[in-house]
């Protein structure tokens, strides 16, 4: 199976993703599903499902028969299908959803829009697969506020390299109003935006740092591309900015979420 465009920085195992970002995306899935209004009897699509954090949450609320999912990363498609037996999980991007018209009550995209190459087309596709009166919803990390893992990483990187590709600068939709505008531009109504906050606890700094060295996403890709000595300097700078923890510590993460009605 050939990777779909856009999957490059996430061509990794579900286990590696879980250790880095899944520890946040699992609790976020519960908050996001509640915000989106998932209810008994709904049929829902998880767009950009990754290894299946939101898919698993949807299955718990709706049952296997009423959940479908897709992702452009073949390892993630395999991991999501393995973790959610019986769910219709397909390879595919947000810009070209491999599902029919008006097939779902909800089309949901968790932590996806930052990496979508054509957001208007993704909105059109999510609207197409939702029934009239259905809900389209998305959430993304607020890099400029308190997604502390990534905000602190990029602050440390910028202290050493002013040209570091801080996700708050180079990615879209992390600021208030941007997701709502994306939905409005797609012709949706009854738009609501909110902040969702989750947290995770690390056993120690090495556990956190290992996630970056797995090379997942923009931060991991940047980390691995550094020469060894520069990577060591970045590690030291990040450790210092986190307060040089010597044992377990907890980090919060804030996501922006928005939903609209077709």
Protein backbone atom coordinates (compact mmCIF):
# COMPACT_ATOMS: atom_id res chain seq x y z
CA UNK A 1 0.00 0.00 0.00
CA UNK A 2 1.48 3.36 -1.04
CA UNK A 3 1.37 6.16 1.55
CA UNK A 4 -1.16 8.90 0.85
CA UNK A 5 0.33 12.39 0.55
CA UNK A 6 0.64 14.06 3.94
CA UNK A 7 1.56 10.93 5.88
CA UNK A 8 5.34 11.40 5.79
CA UNK A 9 6.01 12.54 9.36
CA UNK A 10 3.58 9.98 10.81
CA UNK A 11 4.80 6.81 9.08
CA UNK A 12 5.49 5.14 12.40
CA UNK A 13 4.03 2.43 14.61
CA UNK A 14 0.96 2.97 16.72
CA UNK A 15 2.99 2.15 19.84
CA UNK A 16 5.57 4.87 19.09
CA UNK A 17 2.82 7.41 18.47
CA UNK A 18 1.07 6.43 21.70
CA UNK A 19 4.22 7.04 23.74
CA UNK A 20 4.61 10.52 22.23
CA UNK A 21 1.13 11.92 21.49
CA UNK A 22 -1.37 9.13 22.17
CA UNK A 23 -1.06 9.79 25.90
CA UNK A 24 -2.71 13.16 25.17
CA UNK A 25 -5.01 12.15 22.30
CA UNK A 26 -6.76 9.41 24.30
CA UNK A 27 -8.11 11.73 27.04
CA UNK A 28 -8.72 14.41 24.40
CA UNK A 29 -10.91 11.96 22.47
CA UNK A 30 -13.36 11.74 25.36
CA UNK A 31 -13.53 15.54 25.70
CA UNK A 32 -13.88 16.02 21.94
CA UNK A 33 -16.62 13.39 21.52
CA UNK A 34 -18.64 15.04 24.27
CA UNK A 35 -18.12 18.49 22.74
CA UNK A 36 -19.19 17.21 19.30
CA UNK A 37 -22.41 15.83 20.80
CA UNK A 38 -21.92 12.14 20.01
CA UNK A 39 -25.13 10.37 21.06
CA UNK A 40 -26.71 6.92 20.96
CA UNK A 41 -27.92 6.05 17.48
CA UNK A 42 -25.38 8.22 15.67
CA UNK A 43 -23.08 6.96 12.95
CA UNK A 44 -19.66 8.64 13.11
CA UNK A 45 -16.56 8.95 10.94
CA UNK A 46 -13.09 9.52 12.43
CA UNK A 47 -11.13 11.49 9.82
CA UNK A 48 -7.36 11.07 10.23
CA UNK A 49 -7.83 8.42 12.89
CA UNK A 50 -4.15 7.76 13.65
CA UNK A 51 -3.76 4.58 15.72
CA UNK A 52 -7.35 4.96 16.87
CA UNK A 53 -7.72 7.09 20.02
CA UNK A 54 -10.93 8.77 18.86
CA UNK A 55 -12.12 5.65 17.04
CA UNK A 56 -11.90 3.66 20.27
CA UNK A 57 -13.82 6.36 22.14
CA UNK A 58 -16.52 6.37 19.46
CA UNK A 59 -16.81 2.57 19.54
CA UNK A 60 -17.32 2.74 23.30
CA UNK A 61 -20.18 5.18 22.82
CA UNK A 62 -21.78 3.96 19.59
CA UNK A 63 -20.69 0.38 18.95
CA UNK A 64 -18.56 -1.12 16.19
CA UNK A 65 -21.24 -1.05 13.49
CA UNK A 66 -21.75 2.71 13.72
CA UNK A 67 -18.12 3.83 13.52
CA UNK A 68 -15.81 4.19 10.52
CA UNK A 69 -12.33 5.67 10.22
CA UNK A 70 -9.60 6.57 7.73
CA UNK A 71 -6.01 7.78 7.76
CA UNK A 72 -3.28 8.44 5.16
CA UNK A 73 -0.63 6.50 7.15
CA UNK A 74 -0.67 2.72 6.44
CA UNK A 75 0.81 1.81 9.86
CA UNK A 76 -1.90 3.86 11.56
CA UNK A 77 -4.66 2.25 9.48
CA UNK A 78 -3.35 -1.16 10.50
CA UNK A 79 -3.04 -0.19 14.17
CA UNK A 80 -6.53 1.35 14.31
CA UNK A 81 -8.09 -1.72 12.67
CA UNK A 82 -6.25 -4.08 15.01
CA UNK A 83 -7.33 -2.13 18.09
CA UNK A 84 -10.94 -1.82 16.92
CA UNK A 85 -11.93 -5.16 15.35
CA UNK A 86 -14.93 -4.88 13.06
CA UNK A 87 -14.63 -1.13 12.47
CA UNK A 88 -14.50 -0.08 8.80
CA UNK A 89 -11.00 1.47 8.71
CA UNK A 90 -9.73 2.59 5.31
CA UNK A 91 -6.65 4.33 3.90
CA UNK A 92 -7.48 7.84 2.76
CA UNK A 93 -6.90 11.54 3.33
CA UNK A 94 -9.22 14.24 4.62
CA UNK A 95 -9.15 15.81 1.16
CA UNK A 96 -10.49 12.64 -0.49
CA UNK A 97 -12.57 10.64 1.95
CA UNK A 98 -13.18 7.04 0.82
CA UNK A 99 -16.85 7.03 1.88
CA UNK A 100 -20.17 7.80 0.24
CA UNK A 101 -22.36 10.89 0.42
CA UNK A 102 -24.49 11.57 3.52
CA UNK A 103 -23.26 8.39 5.20
CA UNK A 104 -22.67 9.77 8.72
CA UNK A 105 -24.31 11.84 11.44
CA UNK A 106 -20.91 13.16 12.49
CA UNK A 107 -17.60 13.68 10.67
CA UNK A 108 -14.88 14.34 13.24
CA UNK A 109 -11.21 15.28 12.81
CA UNK A 110 -9.00 15.17 15.91
CA UNK A 111 -5.47 16.64 15.69
CA UNK A 112 -5.59 16.47 11.87
CA UNK A 113 -6.15 19.89 10.33
CA UNK A 114 -2.65 21.14 11.10
CA UNK A 115 -1.38 18.62 8.56
CA UNK A 116 -4.07 18.85 5.86
CA UNK A 117 -2.68 20.27 2.62
CA UNK A 118 -6.02 21.63 1.34
CA UNK A 119 -8.27 22.61 4.30
CA UNK A 120 -11.20 23.91 2.19
CA UNK A 121 -11.33 20.63 0.30
CA UNK A 122 -11.21 18.70 3.58
CA UNK A 123 -14.15 20.74 4.87
CA UNK A 124 -16.05 20.06 1.66
CA UNK A 125 -15.36 16.34 1.93
CA UNK A 126 -16.39 16.15 5.58
CA UNK A 127 -19.56 18.04 4.69
CA UNK A 128 -20.23 15.70 1.76
CA UNK A 129 -20.11 12.55 3.89
CA UNK A 130 -22.33 14.07 6.61
CA UNK A 131 -26.08 13.84 6.28
CA UNK A 132 -28.15 17.07 6.16
CA UNK A 133 -28.36 18.27 9.74
CA UNK A 134 -25.20 16.34 10.62
CA UNK A 135 -22.25 17.72 12.58
CA UNK A 136 -18.73 18.45 11.32
CA UNK A 137 -16.19 19.03 14.09
CA UNK A 138 -12.44 19.37 14.47
CA UNK A 139 -9.90 20.04 17.18
CA UNK A 140 -6.21 20.95 17.10
CA UNK A 141 -3.57 21.83 19.68
CA UNK A 142 -3.25 25.47 20.65
CA UNK A 143 0.53 25.76 20.20
CA UNK A 144 0.62 29.37 21.30
CA UNK A 145 -1.19 28.72 24.58
CA UNK A 146 -0.71 25.67 26.79
CA UNK A 147 0.06 22.58 24.79
CA UNK A 148 3.01 22.60 27.13
CA UNK A 149 4.91 19.63 25.67
CA UNK A 150 5.24 21.21 22.22
CA UNK A 151 5.26 24.86 23.33
CA UNK A 152 8.20 24.21 25.66
CA UNK A 153 10.01 22.14 23.02
CA UNK A 154 9.78 24.91 20.43
CA UNK A 155 10.74 27.61 22.94
CA UNK A 156 13.85 25.58 23.77
CA UNK A 157 14.56 25.07 20.05
CA UNK A 158 14.13 28.77 19.28
CA UNK A 159 16.55 29.70 22.06
CA UNK A 160 19.23 27.78 20.13
CA UNK A 161 18.00 28.26 16.56
CA UNK A 162 15.87 31.34 15.77
CA UNK A 163 14.85 29.71 12.49
CA UNK A 164 13.41 26.56 14.12
CA UNK A 165 10.02 25.76 12.49
CA UNK A 166 7.87 26.53 15.53
CA UNK A 167 4.48 24.92 14.91
CA UNK A 168 2.74 28.03 16.25
CA UNK A 169 4.27 29.96 13.34
CA UNK A 170 4.05 27.45 10.51
CA UNK A 171 0.80 25.55 11.17
CA UNK A 172 -2.75 26.85 10.89
CA UNK A 173 -5.90 26.67 13.02
CA UNK A 174 -4.34 26.91 16.50
CA UNK A 175 -5.66 30.40 17.25
CA UNK A 176 -9.15 31.49 18.38
CA UNK A 177 -11.61 31.82 15.53
CA UNK A 178 -9.61 29.98 12.87
CA UNK A 179 -11.50 26.70 13.14
CA UNK A 180 -14.83 28.52 13.26
CA UNK A 181 -13.92 30.44 10.10
CA UNK A 182 -12.95 27.18 8.39
CA UNK A 183 -16.41 25.80 9.14
CA UNK A 184 -18.18 29.03 8.13
CA UNK A 185 -16.31 29.13 4.82
CA UNK A 186 -17.69 25.63 4.14
CA UNK A 187 -21.22 26.94 4.54
CA UNK A 188 -21.95 25.37 7.92
CA UNK A 189 -24.20 26.92 10.53
CA UNK A 190 -24.71 26.88 14.30
CA UNK A 191 -20.94 27.07 14.81
CA UNK A 192 -19.57 26.69 18.34
CA UNK A 193 -15.91 26.94 19.42
CA UNK A 194 -14.39 25.82 22.72
CA UNK A 195 -11.15 24.99 24.53
CA UNK A 196 -10.51 21.41 25.69
CA UNK A 197 -7.87 20.72 28.35
CA UNK A 198 -6.21 17.39 29.14
CA UNK A 199 -3.04 16.30 30.91
CA UNK A 200 -0.58 13.44 31.15
CA UNK A 201 2.02 12.33 33.70
CA UNK A 202 5.55 11.26 32.78
CA UNK A 203 7.65 8.92 34.90
CA UNK A 204 10.66 11.14 34.27
CA UNK A 205 12.26 13.42 31.70
CA UNK A 206 13.80 10.55 29.69
CA UNK A 207 10.32 9.23 29.01
CA UNK A 208 9.31 12.58 27.53
CA UNK A 209 12.53 13.02 25.54
CA UNK A 210 12.23 9.55 24.02
CA UNK A 211 9.03 10.66 22.32
CA UNK A 212 10.89 13.36 20.40
CA UNK A 213 13.68 10.95 19.47
CA UNK A 214 11.06 8.67 17.90
CA UNK A 215 10.86 11.29 15.12
CA UNK A 216 7.08 11.71 15.12
CA UNK A 217 5.49 14.85 13.70
CA UNK A 218 7.23 18.17 13.00
CA UNK A 219 8.93 18.35 16.41
CA UNK A 220 10.28 14.81 16.23
CA UNK A 221 11.43 15.28 12.64
CA UNK A 222 13.26 18.48 13.58
CA UNK A 223 14.87 16.79 16.59
CA UNK A 224 16.18 13.81 14.61
CA UNK A 225 17.55 16.02 11.84
CA UNK A 226 19.86 17.86 14.25
CA UNK A 227 23.53 16.91 14.57
CA UNK A 228 24.20 14.90 17.72
CA UNK A 229 25.75 17.78 19.66
CA UNK A 230 22.93 20.16 18.74
CA UNK A 231 20.37 17.56 19.76
CA UNK A 232 22.10 17.24 23.12
CA UNK A 233 21.99 21.02 23.59
CA UNK A 234 18.28 21.00 22.76
CA UNK A 235 17.69 18.22 25.29
CA UNK A 236 19.45 20.25 27.99
CA UNK A 237 17.51 23.41 27.11
CA UNK A 238 14.19 21.56 27.22
CA UNK A 239 15.04 19.93 30.54
CA UNK A 240 15.86 23.31 32.04
CA UNK A 241 12.66 24.93 30.74
CA UNK A 242 10.63 22.14 32.33
CA UNK A 243 12.23 22.84 35.68
CA UNK A 244 14.79 19.99 35.56
CA UNK A 245 12.43 17.36 37.00
CA UNK A 246 14.11 14.41 38.71
CA UNK A 247 10.97 12.28 39.01
CA UNK A 248 7.38 12.12 37.77
CA UNK A 249 5.77 15.32 36.50
CA UNK A 250 2.51 16.32 34.80
CA UNK A 251 1.94 18.51 31.74
CA UNK A 252 -1.30 20.10 30.57
CA UNK A 253 -2.39 20.47 26.96
CA UNK A 254 -5.04 22.81 25.55
CA UNK A 255 -6.82 22.09 22.28
CA UNK A 256 -9.10 24.36 20.29
CA UNK A 257 -12.30 22.72 19.04
CA UNK A 258 -15.12 23.86 16.79
CA UNK A 259 -18.27 22.26 15.40
CA UNK A 260 -20.90 23.24 12.86
CA UNK A 261 -24.06 21.83 11.35
CA UNK A 262 -24.54 20.97 7.70
